[in-house]
Amino acid sequence: MAKHGRVSRQDVARAAGVSLTTVTHALNPVPGARVSAATRLRVQRLAREMGYTPSFVGRALVEGKSYTVGLLQPSYDSVFNGFYQTMMRGMARAMEPDDYHLLALFRSDDHRYLKVITQGRVDGMLILQSDFDVSHIARVLETGIPTVVVNRGVPVEGWPRAGCVHADHDGMMRQAVEELAALGCKSLLLVDDFRACDANARMADGFSTAVAARAARGLVGSTLAPDGSRFALQMRNAFAAGQRWDGIITDGVTYAEVVLEEAERAALRPARDFHLISTDIVEGRTTRQGLEESAYTHQPDLVGAEAWRLLRALIGREVVSERTVRVPYRRYPVRHISEGDAA
């Protein structure tokens, strides 16, 4: 027994009558190490009987891993972003069985986050963001460390140890457009501030692509970028000018509420004059009236879990068939008013 009550590998080596190196290889098998099966079993049995618990530092040195992953966020205020928090929860839960942990890092003009990489303090990097700036992503990729960009798309060609995971905005828009087309809609409106972030821009692109695919069948579409608190006035003026859409998709339930209010002001009724679909980052969130045909929501927990799954494979140098992972939205059918109620 060790003097201070903690059993060390040296204690196990003395009890087994073998070298410290043999104990190390027996407890942490290393490819090519010459330790007989009988010796390995005897050392492992003695270690258990003596109450030996492995040192994390020793394990890390033997395996060449820190069991820590850097999580680079846009700013210190990002920790208050509930959407990001849900993604981080997904990451942390998925990492727990692998005994990995997150190290919070934040972007800065002096690029201090690069120090933890160059000092070997992390085995990989997760970059969580929504904005368009990719300069810091390039800096991280240039270090060669396994990296997964989360919540936005980024080209990974040319970077064999890089990947990205984000919601399938294109797939969601294609499904929403098909749903409205199946209801007989011919003129669609997407309410989406495509200038706000990468996700919004991808939704707008997905909408345009989905509408274009049905243009030969008479489907047309337009996009309206909300002007903050003036969005209600934008919709009011559009309806007053006689603009009509029989299918409307809003990025966010808040915008959907405004559309419904201004439509009512213009004597337009959902399910009679137009059909509404909302998207949101909050699971299962719909308008208070529940007048959408359906609602599509992100799955941030799953995005976080998939980000770790991909990064774990890159850290382990596994063969990865797809390094761009698109997590589908979840669709919720919404009970809306009937044609009779709308009359």
Protein backbone atom coordinates (compact mmCIF):
# COMPACT_ATOMS: atom_id res chain seq x y z
CA MET A 1 0.00 0.00 0.00
CA ALA A 2 1.28 3.51 -0.80
CA LYS A 3 2.31 5.74 2.11
CA HIS A 4 -0.56 8.18 1.64
CA GLY A 5 -3.21 5.55 0.99
CA ARG A 6 -3.27 5.88 -2.81
CA VAL A 7 -2.05 2.90 -4.78
CA SER A 8 0.30 3.82 -7.62
CA ARG A 9 1.45 1.85 -10.64
CA GLN A 10 4.83 1.51 -8.91
CA ASP A 11 3.08 -0.22 -5.99
CA VAL A 12 1.43 -2.63 -8.41
CA ALA A 13 4.77 -3.26 -10.13
CA ARG A 14 6.45 -4.18 -6.82
CA ALA A 15 3.59 -6.49 -5.84
CA ALA A 16 3.64 -8.21 -9.24
CA GLY A 17 7.44 -8.37 -9.45
CA VAL A 18 7.52 -6.67 -12.83
CA SER A 19 8.73 -3.38 -14.21
CA LEU A 20 6.73 -0.16 -14.18
CA THR A 21 6.67 -0.26 -17.99
CA THR A 22 5.10 -3.72 -17.93
CA VAL A 23 2.38 -2.49 -15.56
CA THR A 24 1.71 0.50 -17.81
CA HIS A 25 1.35 -1.71 -20.88
CA ALA A 26 -0.77 -4.23 -19.00
CA LEU A 27 -3.21 -1.61 -17.73
CA ASN A 28 -3.19 0.50 -20.89
CA PRO A 29 -2.54 -1.85 -23.81
CA VAL A 30 -0.30 -0.28 -26.42
CA PRO A 31 -0.09 -1.78 -29.94
CA GLY A 32 3.19 -3.68 -30.32
CA ALA A 33 3.91 -3.88 -26.57
CA ARG A 34 5.28 -7.31 -25.59
CA VAL A 35 3.32 -8.35 -22.52
CA SER A 36 2.10 -11.93 -22.29
CA ALA A 37 -1.59 -12.55 -21.74
CA ALA A 38 -0.85 -14.29 -18.42
CA THR A 39 1.21 -11.34 -17.13
CA ARG A 40 -1.42 -8.84 -18.28
CA LEU A 41 -4.19 -10.73 -16.45
CA ARG A 42 -2.08 -11.09 -13.29
CA VAL A 43 -1.21 -7.39 -13.21
CA GLN A 44 -4.83 -6.38 -13.83
CA ARG A 45 -6.03 -8.72 -11.05
CA LEU A 46 -3.50 -7.35 -8.56
CA ALA A 47 -4.40 -3.78 -9.51
CA ARG A 48 -8.06 -4.47 -8.77
CA GLU A 49 -7.30 -6.21 -5.49
CA MET A 50 -5.03 -3.38 -4.34
CA GLY A 51 -7.62 -0.74 -5.21
CA TYR A 52 -5.55 0.92 -7.93
CA THR A 53 -7.33 3.73 -9.78
CA PRO A 54 -5.71 5.07 -12.94
CA SER A 55 -4.30 8.58 -12.99
CA PHE A 56 -5.99 10.73 -15.59
CA VAL A 57 -2.70 12.50 -16.32
CA GLY A 58 -0.97 9.17 -16.81
CA ARG A 59 -3.74 7.96 -19.07
CA ALA A 60 -3.58 11.13 -21.11
CA LEU A 61 0.21 10.83 -21.49
CA VAL A 62 0.00 7.20 -22.55
CA GLU A 63 -2.81 7.78 -25.05
CA GLY A 64 -1.63 11.19 -26.21
CA LYS A 65 -5.05 12.76 -25.60
CA SER A 66 -6.34 15.58 -23.40
CA TYR A 67 -9.96 14.33 -23.48
CA THR A 68 -10.97 17.96 -23.89
CA VAL A 69 -12.56 19.68 -26.89
CA GLY A 70 -12.54 23.43 -27.44
CA LEU A 71 -15.91 25.08 -28.07
CA LEU A 72 -15.32 28.37 -29.87
CA GLN A 73 -18.25 30.79 -29.56
CA PRO A 74 -18.79 34.22 -31.17
CA SER A 75 -18.63 36.27 -27.94
CA TYR A 76 -18.92 36.10 -24.16
CA ASP A 77 -22.60 36.98 -24.46
CA SER A 78 -23.16 33.78 -26.45
CA VAL A 79 -23.44 31.86 -23.18
CA PHE A 80 -26.83 33.55 -22.67
CA ASN A 81 -28.15 32.36 -26.04
CA GLY A 82 -30.74 29.68 -25.23
CA PHE A 83 -30.51 28.17 -28.71
CA TYR A 84 -26.74 27.75 -28.34
CA GLN A 85 -27.21 26.37 -24.83
CA THR A 86 -29.46 23.64 -26.18
CA MET A 87 -26.86 22.69 -28.79
CA MET A 88 -24.17 22.59 -26.09
CA ARG A 89 -26.39 20.33 -24.01
CA GLY A 90 -26.62 17.96 -26.96
CA MET A 91 -22.85 18.00 -27.32
CA ALA A 92 -22.18 17.44 -23.60
CA ARG A 93 -24.62 14.55 -23.31
CA ALA A 94 -23.18 12.84 -26.36
CA MET A 95 -19.59 13.32 -25.13
CA GLU A 96 -20.18 11.96 -21.63
CA PRO A 97 -19.90 8.24 -22.51
CA ASP A 98 -16.55 9.00 -24.19
CA ASP A 99 -15.24 10.79 -21.07
CA TYR A 100 -14.75 14.02 -23.05
CA HIS A 101 -15.47 17.54 -21.85
CA LEU A 102 -15.95 20.98 -23.38
CA LEU A 103 -13.61 23.93 -22.85
CA ALA A 104 -15.40 27.24 -23.46
CA LEU A 105 -13.50 29.58 -25.80
CA PHE A 106 -14.49 32.89 -27.34
CA ARG A 107 -13.50 34.75 -30.47
CA SER A 108 -11.24 37.76 -30.00
CA ASP A 109 -9.30 40.16 -32.19
CA ASP A 110 -5.98 38.83 -30.88
CA HIS A 111 -7.02 35.20 -31.59
CA ARG A 112 -6.16 33.97 -28.09
CA TYR A 113 -8.29 30.90 -28.70
CA LEU A 114 -5.50 29.56 -30.93
CA LYS A 115 -3.19 29.14 -27.92
CA VAL A 116 -5.08 26.15 -26.55
CA ILE A 117 -4.60 24.47 -29.94
CA THR A 118 -0.90 25.20 -30.36
CA GLN A 119 -0.27 24.19 -26.74
CA GLY A 120 -1.96 20.82 -27.29
CA ARG A 121 -4.61 21.40 -24.65
CA VAL A 122 -7.50 20.16 -26.79
CA ASP A 123 -7.95 17.17 -29.08
CA GLY A 124 -10.39 18.90 -31.41
CA MET A 125 -12.46 22.02 -31.95
CA LEU A 126 -16.17 22.72 -32.25
CA ILE A 127 -16.96 26.15 -33.71
CA LEU A 128 -20.48 27.30 -32.86
CA GLN A 129 -21.82 30.29 -34.76
CA SER A 130 -24.55 31.74 -36.95
CA ASP A 131 -22.90 34.79 -38.53
CA PHE A 132 -21.16 35.10 -41.89
CA ASP A 133 -17.58 35.75 -40.69
CA VAL A 134 -15.35 32.78 -41.54
CA SER A 135 -11.89 34.27 -40.91
CA HIS A 136 -11.53 32.59 -37.52
CA ILE A 137 -12.71 29.29 -38.96
CA ALA A 138 -9.89 29.44 -41.50
CA ARG A 139 -7.36 30.14 -38.74
CA VAL A 140 -8.48 27.10 -36.77
CA LEU A 141 -8.49 24.84 -39.84
CA GLU A 142 -4.96 25.96 -40.72
CA THR A 143 -3.68 24.44 -37.47
CA GLY A 144 -4.70 21.02 -38.77
CA ILE A 145 -6.64 20.11 -35.63
CA PRO A 146 -9.85 18.07 -36.13
CA THR A 147 -12.63 20.65 -36.38
CA VAL A 148 -16.40 20.67 -36.80
CA VAL A 149 -18.28 23.88 -37.55
CA VAL A 150 -21.72 23.84 -35.94
CA ASN A 151 -24.91 25.66 -37.00
CA ARG A 152 -23.60 26.97 -40.29
CA GLY A 153 -22.34 25.57 -43.54
CA VAL A 154 -18.71 25.81 -44.56
CA PRO A 155 -16.79 24.15 -47.40
CA VAL A 156 -14.74 21.26 -46.06
CA GLU A 157 -13.10 20.20 -49.31
CA GLY A 158 -9.34 20.38 -48.94
CA TRP A 159 -9.56 20.00 -45.16
CA PRO A 160 -9.56 16.22 -44.51
CA ARG A 161 -10.00 16.62 -40.75
CA ALA A 162 -12.85 19.12 -40.90
CA GLY A 163 -16.62 18.89 -41.11
CA CYS A 164 -19.79 20.87 -40.48
CA VAL A 165 -23.17 20.11 -38.97
CA HIS A 166 -26.25 22.30 -39.35
CA ALA A 167 -30.00 22.12 -39.76
CA ASP A 168 -31.25 21.04 -43.18
CA HIS A 169 -32.67 24.40 -44.24
CA ASP A 170 -32.88 23.37 -47.91
CA GLY A 171 -34.75 20.18 -47.09
CA MET A 172 -37.17 21.98 -44.79
CA MET A 173 -37.96 24.63 -47.40
CA ARG A 174 -38.45 22.02 -50.09
CA GLN A 175 -40.91 20.17 -47.85
CA ALA A 176 -42.77 23.36 -46.89
CA VAL A 177 -43.09 24.48 -50.52
CA GLU A 178 -44.31 21.03 -51.55
CA GLU A 179 -46.86 21.12 -48.72
CA LEU A 180 -48.26 24.47 -49.87
CA ALA A 181 -48.25 23.37 -53.51
CA ALA A 182 -50.26 20.29 -52.54
CA LEU A 183 -52.86 22.66 -51.03
CA GLY A 184 -53.19 24.33 -54.42
CA CYS A 185 -51.09 27.42 -53.67
CA LYS A 186 -49.61 29.20 -56.68
CA SER A 187 -48.17 32.41 -55.20
CA LEU A 188 -45.85 32.03 -52.20
CA LEU A 189 -44.24 34.53 -49.83
CA LEU A 190 -41.27 33.82 -47.59
CA VAL A 191 -40.85 36.21 -44.64
CA ASP A 192 -37.17 35.85 -43.82
CA ASP A 193 -34.37 38.29 -43.01
CA PHE A 194 -31.79 36.61 -45.21
CA ARG A 195 -29.24 39.27 -44.22
CA ALA A 196 -29.29 38.29 -40.55
CA CYS A 197 -27.28 35.06 -40.47
CA ASP A 198 -26.11 32.05 -42.43
CA ALA A 199 -29.17 29.97 -41.56
CA ASN A 200 -31.57 32.62 -42.85
CA ALA A 201 -29.59 33.00 -46.06
CA ARG A 202 -29.71 29.24 -46.62
CA MET A 203 -33.46 29.21 -46.01
CA ALA A 204 -33.93 31.92 -48.62
CA ASP A 205 -31.77 30.01 -51.10
CA GLY A 206 -33.68 26.81 -50.38
CA PHE A 207 -37.00 28.58 -50.91
CA SER A 208 -35.88 30.02 -54.26
CA THR A 209 -34.61 26.63 -55.42
CA ALA A 210 -37.81 24.83 -54.37
CA VAL A 211 -40.04 27.41 -56.09
CA ALA A 212 -37.91 27.35 -59.25
CA ALA A 213 -38.30 23.56 -59.41
CA ARG A 214 -42.09 24.07 -59.69
CA ALA A 215 -42.07 27.16 -61.89
CA ALA A 216 -43.14 25.14 -64.93
CA ARG A 217 -46.31 24.21 -63.02
CA GLY A 218 -47.18 27.86 -62.42
CA LEU A 219 -45.67 28.36 -58.96
CA VAL A 220 -44.13 31.76 -58.22
CA GLY A 221 -42.50 33.04 -55.05
CA SER A 222 -41.20 36.22 -53.46
CA THR A 223 -39.21 37.04 -50.32
CA LEU A 224 -39.86 39.84 -47.83
CA ALA A 225 -37.10 40.83 -45.40
CA PRO A 226 -38.76 42.14 -42.20
CA ASP A 227 -37.68 45.65 -41.21
CA GLY A 228 -37.66 45.12 -37.44
CA SER A 229 -40.53 46.85 -35.66
CA ARG A 230 -41.78 48.14 -39.03
CA PHE A 231 -42.72 44.65 -40.21
CA ALA A 232 -46.39 45.10 -39.27
CA LEU A 233 -46.49 48.27 -41.38
CA GLN A 234 -44.80 46.42 -44.24
CA MET A 235 -47.51 43.77 -44.24
CA ARG A 236 -50.28 46.32 -43.77
CA ASN A 237 -49.10 48.35 -46.75
CA ALA A 238 -48.69 45.21 -48.87
CA PHE A 239 -52.23 44.02 -48.17
CA ALA A 240 -53.61 47.55 -48.64
CA ALA A 241 -51.90 47.74 -52.03
CA GLY A 242 -53.69 44.59 -53.08
CA GLN A 243 -50.78 42.18 -52.81
CA ARG A 244 -51.97 38.66 -52.19
CA TRP A 245 -50.26 35.33 -51.58
CA ASP A 246 -52.09 32.07 -51.14
CA GLY A 247 -49.16 30.50 -49.30
CA ILE A 248 -46.97 32.22 -46.69
CA ILE A 249 -43.91 30.85 -44.84
CA THR A 250 -42.53 32.84 -41.92
CA ASP A 251 -39.15 32.41 -40.28
CA GLY A 252 -40.30 32.67 -36.69
CA VAL A 253 -43.61 32.50 -34.90
CA THR A 254 -43.41 36.21 -34.03
CA TYR A 255 -43.61 37.11 -37.72
CA ALA A 256 -46.42 34.61 -38.20
CA GLU A 257 -48.43 36.37 -35.48
CA VAL A 258 -47.99 39.69 -37.26
CA VAL A 259 -49.04 38.19 -40.60
CA LEU A 260 -52.23 36.84 -39.00
CA GLU A 261 -53.03 40.17 -37.32
CA GLU A 262 -52.52 42.22 -40.48
CA ALA A 263 -54.38 39.68 -42.60
CA GLU A 264 -57.35 39.95 -40.26
CA ARG A 265 -57.19 43.73 -40.54
CA ALA A 266 -57.42 43.29 -44.33
CA ALA A 267 -60.37 40.85 -43.95
CA LEU A 268 -58.25 37.90 -45.09
CA ARG A 269 -58.77 34.54 -43.43
CA PRO A 270 -56.28 31.67 -43.07
CA ALA A 271 -57.35 28.42 -44.73
CA ARG A 272 -59.71 30.46 -46.93
CA ASP A 273 -57.57 33.20 -48.46
CA PHE A 274 -54.10 31.85 -47.69
CA HIS A 275 -52.26 29.01 -45.99
CA LEU A 276 -49.57 29.66 -43.40
CA ILE A 277 -46.48 27.68 -42.36
CA SER A 278 -44.13 28.86 -39.60
CA THR A 279 -40.60 27.84 -38.70
CA ASP A 280 -38.90 28.41 -35.38
CA ILE A 281 -35.89 27.47 -33.25
CA VAL A 282 -38.10 26.47 -30.32
CA GLU A 283 -39.38 22.91 -30.45
CA GLY A 284 -43.10 22.65 -31.11
CA ARG A 285 -43.71 26.41 -30.98
CA THR A 286 -46.70 27.69 -32.95
CA THR A 287 -48.85 30.81 -33.03
CA ARG A 288 -51.30 31.42 -30.19
CA GLN A 289 -54.21 30.81 -32.52
CA GLY A 290 -52.71 27.65 -34.00
CA LEU A 291 -53.70 28.68 -37.50
CA GLU A 292 -50.69 27.30 -39.35
CA GLU A 293 -50.97 24.31 -41.63
CA SER A 294 -47.82 23.05 -39.93
CA ALA A 295 -44.79 24.27 -38.02
CA TYR A 296 -41.15 23.30 -38.60
CA THR A 297 -38.61 23.54 -35.79
CA HIS A 298 -34.88 23.04 -35.37
CA GLN A 299 -33.51 20.11 -33.42
CA PRO A 300 -30.55 21.82 -31.67
CA ASP A 301 -29.98 18.92 -29.24
CA LEU A 302 -29.54 16.59 -32.19
CA VAL A 303 -27.30 19.09 -34.02
CA GLY A 304 -25.03 19.16 -30.96
CA ALA A 305 -24.95 15.38 -30.65
CA GLU A 306 -24.21 14.94 -34.36
CA ALA A 307 -21.42 17.50 -34.11
CA TRP A 308 -19.70 15.41 -31.43
CA ARG A 309 -20.28 12.17 -33.35
CA LEU A 310 -18.52 13.65 -36.38
CA LEU A 311 -15.70 15.23 -34.38
CA ARG A 312 -15.08 12.00 -32.47
CA ALA A 313 -14.63 10.20 -35.78
CA LEU A 314 -12.24 12.87 -37.05
CA ILE A 315 -10.20 12.73 -33.84
CA GLY A 316 -10.00 8.95 -34.15
CA ARG A 317 -8.98 9.26 -37.82
CA GLU A 318 -11.91 7.09 -38.84
CA VAL A 319 -13.06 6.97 -42.43
CA VAL A 320 -15.98 9.41 -42.66
CA SER A 321 -18.21 9.06 -45.70
CA GLU A 322 -20.01 12.38 -45.22
CA ARG A 323 -18.38 15.36 -43.53
CA THR A 324 -21.32 17.73 -44.09
CA VAL A 325 -24.21 16.62 -41.88
CA ARG A 326 -27.65 18.17 -42.32
CA VAL A 327 -30.02 17.56 -39.43
CA PRO A 328 -33.70 17.59 -40.52
CA TYR A 329 -36.24 19.95 -39.04
CA ARG A 330 -39.08 18.41 -37.08
CA ARG A 331 -42.52 18.99 -38.58
CA TYR A 332 -45.54 19.51 -36.35
CA PRO A 333 -49.01 19.36 -37.92
CA VAL A 334 -51.10 22.18 -36.44
CA ARG A 335 -54.86 22.01 -35.94
CA HIS A 336 -56.17 24.97 -37.93
CA ILE A 337 -59.63 26.39 -38.54
CA SER A 338 -61.85 24.61 -41.00
CA GLU A 339 -63.31 26.07 -44.19
CA GLY A 340 -66.67 26.44 -42.41
CA ASP A 341 -65.14 28.38 -39.54
CA ALA A 342 -63.30 30.63 -41.96
CA ALA A 343 -66.39 31.65 -43.87
